[in-house]
Amino acid sequence: MKWRIGAAAVAVVGIVVLVGALVVVPRFGTDTIDRSQPALLQSLRDLSQYHAAAGDFQVVLDIEKDVRHVPAALAGRRTLFVAAGTVNAYVDFSGLAEDALKVDAEKKTVELALPGATLDKPNLAQERCYVFAEERGLFDRLASLVETQDQQPFYVAAEQRIGDAARESGLTGRADENTRTMLTGMFTALGYQPVFSDAA
């Protein structure tokens, strides 16, 4: 009987020691500590632009870098790069002349000379831009083991292609129409009939 009690006591002590070891022994791992400073406001500015339309665009670039007089199997690179982005079309009211707005209180009309819409710079969506496929010669494959390809030229080319597509898409015309619709609703709510003309 005493032997059983002694064995049970030893077992209990072993369990206590084991639990204590688990509590005391540190658990190793990786912690992420963010010591970044908060964002600072550097400037404020008033906006005088009405963003009236936006277009989403996607382009697949097929760019080949060929080495003259060398077989493509040895040197050269061909890359398919997918890029996507947005282009905004806006009307800038900051440059309106003093006589751009003429109000006739008796006829309840407002004559407004509107500037045409302008396209903003393409805004590429970084998470939707990537290398889709790539063919490389032997020397280029070996070079890629020690250096990373600069993708900046692909982004520059994508911005240019998307900008060209936006200019041909009729986006500015839609922005002009949307701006007139917005102003018509605003002036009509005030009891005036708007008459639009193009700014000189």
Protein backbone atom coordinates (compact mmCIF):
# COMPACT_ATOMS: atom_id res chain seq x y z
CA MET A 1 0.00 0.00 0.00
CA LYS A 2 2.79 2.39 0.93
CA TRP A 3 4.51 1.50 -2.33
CA ARG A 4 1.43 2.51 -4.29
CA ILE A 5 1.11 5.80 -2.42
CA GLY A 6 4.79 6.52 -3.02
CA ALA A 7 4.47 5.74 -6.73
CA ALA A 8 1.42 8.02 -6.99
CA ALA A 9 3.29 10.81 -5.22
CA VAL A 10 6.21 10.46 -7.61
CA ALA A 11 3.83 10.59 -10.59
CA VAL A 12 2.17 13.76 -9.25
CA VAL A 13 5.55 15.40 -8.67
CA GLY A 14 6.61 14.45 -12.21
CA ILE A 15 3.50 16.01 -13.69
CA VAL A 16 4.02 19.21 -11.68
CA VAL A 17 7.66 19.43 -12.79
CA LEU A 18 6.67 18.84 -16.43
CA VAL A 19 3.98 21.53 -16.35
CA GLY A 20 6.38 23.93 -14.70
CA ALA A 21 8.99 23.27 -17.37
CA LEU A 22 6.45 23.95 -20.12
CA VAL A 23 5.55 27.23 -18.47
CA VAL A 24 9.11 28.37 -17.78
CA VAL A 25 10.83 27.25 -21.00
CA PRO A 26 10.52 30.04 -23.57
CA ARG A 27 8.71 29.32 -26.83
CA PHE A 28 10.81 30.42 -29.79
CA GLY A 29 9.21 32.08 -32.79
CA THR A 30 9.17 35.19 -34.97
CA ASP A 31 7.46 38.39 -33.87
CA THR A 32 6.74 41.33 -36.17
CA ILE A 33 7.30 44.73 -34.57
CA ASP A 34 6.09 47.79 -36.50
CA ARG A 35 8.04 50.90 -35.45
CA SER A 36 6.92 52.99 -38.42
CA GLN A 37 6.05 56.58 -37.75
CA PRO A 38 2.48 57.81 -38.42
CA ALA A 39 1.77 59.51 -41.73
CA LEU A 40 2.30 63.28 -41.64
CA LEU A 41 0.09 65.79 -43.42
CA GLN A 42 2.35 67.87 -45.63
CA SER A 43 -0.14 70.06 -47.46
CA LEU A 44 -3.80 70.74 -48.15
CA ARG A 45 -5.27 72.01 -51.38
CA ASP A 46 -8.73 72.84 -52.64
CA LEU A 47 -9.98 70.81 -55.59
CA SER A 48 -11.66 72.58 -58.50
CA GLN A 49 -12.02 69.52 -60.71
CA TYR A 50 -15.15 67.52 -61.35
CA HIS A 51 -14.24 63.91 -62.10
CA ALA A 52 -17.05 62.98 -64.43
CA ALA A 53 -16.02 59.62 -65.90
CA ALA A 54 -13.51 56.82 -65.46
CA GLY A 55 -12.39 53.94 -67.63
CA ASP A 56 -10.81 50.63 -66.65
CA PHE A 57 -8.24 49.30 -69.11
CA GLN A 58 -6.08 46.22 -69.51
CA VAL A 59 -3.16 45.66 -71.85
CA VAL A 60 -0.91 42.69 -72.60
CA LEU A 61 2.58 43.76 -73.58
CA ASP A 62 4.62 41.44 -75.81
CA ILE A 63 8.16 42.79 -75.69
CA GLU A 64 11.17 40.99 -77.09
CA LYS A 65 14.78 41.94 -76.46
CA ASP A 66 16.78 40.46 -79.32
CA VAL A 67 20.56 40.16 -79.49
CA ARG A 68 21.82 40.65 -83.02
CA HIS A 69 23.60 37.76 -84.72
CA VAL A 70 23.07 35.51 -81.68
CA PRO A 71 20.52 32.64 -81.67
CA ALA A 72 17.53 33.21 -79.40
CA ALA A 73 18.33 29.95 -77.62
CA LEU A 74 21.55 31.50 -76.33
CA ALA A 75 20.67 35.12 -75.68
CA GLY A 76 17.55 37.24 -75.71
CA ARG A 77 14.35 37.62 -73.80
CA ARG A 78 10.66 37.76 -74.70
CA THR A 79 8.19 38.80 -72.03
CA LEU A 80 4.40 38.87 -71.86
CA PHE A 81 3.42 41.46 -69.27
CA VAL A 82 -0.19 42.02 -68.17
CA ALA A 83 -1.09 45.47 -66.86
CA ALA A 84 -4.39 47.00 -65.74
CA GLY A 85 -5.26 50.51 -64.68
CA THR A 86 -7.79 53.31 -64.51
CA VAL A 87 -7.98 56.63 -66.31
CA ASN A 88 -10.13 59.48 -64.96
CA ALA A 89 -11.67 62.18 -67.13
CA TYR A 90 -12.32 65.49 -65.37
CA VAL A 91 -13.42 69.05 -66.03
CA ASP A 92 -11.26 71.75 -64.46
CA PHE A 93 -13.23 74.81 -63.32
CA SER A 94 -10.21 76.68 -61.95
CA GLY A 95 -9.46 78.34 -65.28
CA LEU A 96 -12.93 79.75 -65.91
CA ALA A 97 -12.95 83.40 -66.97
CA GLU A 98 -14.93 86.00 -65.02
CA ASP A 99 -17.54 86.22 -67.77
CA ALA A 100 -17.87 82.44 -68.12
CA LEU A 101 -21.08 82.49 -66.04
CA LYS A 102 -23.92 84.81 -67.09
CA VAL A 103 -27.12 84.83 -65.07
CA ASP A 104 -30.39 86.31 -66.41
CA ALA A 105 -32.67 86.72 -63.40
CA GLU A 106 -35.67 87.72 -65.51
CA LYS A 107 -35.51 84.82 -67.95
CA LYS A 108 -34.29 82.48 -65.24
CA THR A 109 -31.41 81.25 -67.39
CA VAL A 110 -27.75 80.61 -66.72
CA GLU A 111 -25.26 80.69 -69.57
CA LEU A 112 -22.05 78.85 -68.80
CA ALA A 113 -18.95 78.45 -70.96
CA LEU A 114 -17.57 75.05 -70.03
CA PRO A 115 -14.01 73.89 -70.62
CA GLY A 116 -13.60 70.50 -72.23
CA ALA A 117 -12.80 67.42 -70.20
CA THR A 118 -9.19 66.37 -69.67
CA LEU A 119 -7.72 62.92 -69.12
CA ASP A 120 -5.79 62.25 -65.95
CA LYS A 121 -2.58 60.21 -65.93
CA PRO A 122 -3.23 56.44 -66.00
CA ASN A 123 -3.29 54.93 -62.53
CA LEU A 124 -1.92 51.39 -62.72
CA ALA A 125 -3.25 48.80 -60.27
CA GLN A 126 -0.05 47.25 -58.91
CA GLU A 127 -1.78 44.08 -57.75
CA ARG A 128 -3.06 43.46 -61.30
CA CYS A 129 0.28 43.97 -63.09
CA TYR A 130 2.45 40.90 -63.49
CA VAL A 131 4.68 38.89 -65.83
CA PHE A 132 2.43 36.31 -67.50
CA ALA A 133 5.07 34.38 -69.45
CA GLU A 134 8.72 34.71 -70.34
CA GLU A 135 11.14 33.07 -72.76
CA ARG A 136 14.87 33.52 -72.12
CA GLY A 137 18.06 32.42 -73.77
CA LEU A 138 20.64 30.39 -71.90
CA PHE A 139 22.79 33.40 -70.94
CA ASP A 140 19.74 35.34 -69.71
CA ARG A 141 18.60 32.41 -67.59
CA LEU A 142 22.02 32.23 -65.98
CA ALA A 143 22.07 35.99 -65.42
CA SER A 144 18.65 35.85 -63.72
CA LEU A 145 20.18 33.71 -60.98
CA VAL A 146 22.23 36.65 -59.71
CA GLU A 147 20.16 39.67 -60.78
CA THR A 148 16.51 40.69 -60.87
CA GLN A 149 14.93 41.98 -64.04
CA ASP A 150 13.94 45.63 -63.92
CA GLN A 151 10.19 45.81 -64.58
CA GLN A 152 10.02 49.62 -64.71
CA PRO A 153 10.11 49.72 -68.55
CA PHE A 154 7.00 47.52 -68.64
CA TYR A 155 5.10 49.90 -66.36
CA VAL A 156 6.14 52.90 -68.48
CA ALA A 157 5.04 51.16 -71.67
CA ALA A 158 1.76 50.07 -70.06
CA GLU A 159 0.97 53.64 -68.99
CA GLN A 160 1.57 54.87 -72.53
CA ARG A 161 -0.60 52.17 -74.12
CA ILE A 162 -3.43 52.68 -71.64
CA GLY A 163 -3.24 56.45 -72.10
CA ASP A 164 -3.49 56.02 -75.88
CA ALA A 165 -6.48 53.71 -75.47
CA ALA A 166 -8.20 56.21 -73.17
CA ARG A 167 -7.81 59.01 -75.73
CA GLU A 168 -9.45 56.83 -78.38
CA SER A 169 -12.25 55.53 -76.15
CA GLY A 170 -14.48 58.61 -76.11
CA LEU A 171 -13.97 58.99 -72.37
CA THR A 172 -13.67 62.79 -72.54
CA GLY A 173 -16.93 63.06 -74.49
CA ARG A 174 -18.72 61.05 -71.83
CA ALA A 175 -17.21 63.24 -69.12
CA ASP A 176 -18.45 66.39 -70.92
CA GLU A 177 -21.95 64.92 -71.10
CA ASN A 178 -21.93 63.86 -67.44
CA THR A 179 -20.74 67.32 -66.37
CA ARG A 180 -23.59 69.02 -68.24
CA THR A 181 -26.06 66.57 -66.69
CA MET A 182 -24.74 67.31 -63.19
CA LEU A 183 -24.89 71.09 -63.68
CA THR A 184 -28.33 70.91 -65.28
CA GLY A 185 -29.69 69.13 -62.24
CA MET A 186 -28.06 71.65 -59.90
CA PHE A 187 -29.30 74.77 -61.74
CA THR A 188 -32.76 73.31 -62.34
CA ALA A 189 -33.11 72.69 -58.60
CA LEU A 190 -32.41 76.41 -58.12
CA GLY A 191 -35.08 77.35 -60.65
CA TYR A 192 -32.77 78.22 -63.59
CA GLN A 193 -32.44 76.78 -67.07
CA PRO A 194 -28.81 76.25 -68.05
CA VAL A 195 -27.40 77.07 -71.47
CA PHE A 196 -23.96 75.65 -72.20
CA SER A 197 -21.29 76.79 -74.61
CA ASP A 198 -17.67 75.79 -75.11
CA ALA A 199 -15.04 77.87 -73.33
CA ALA A 200 -12.69 79.72 -75.63
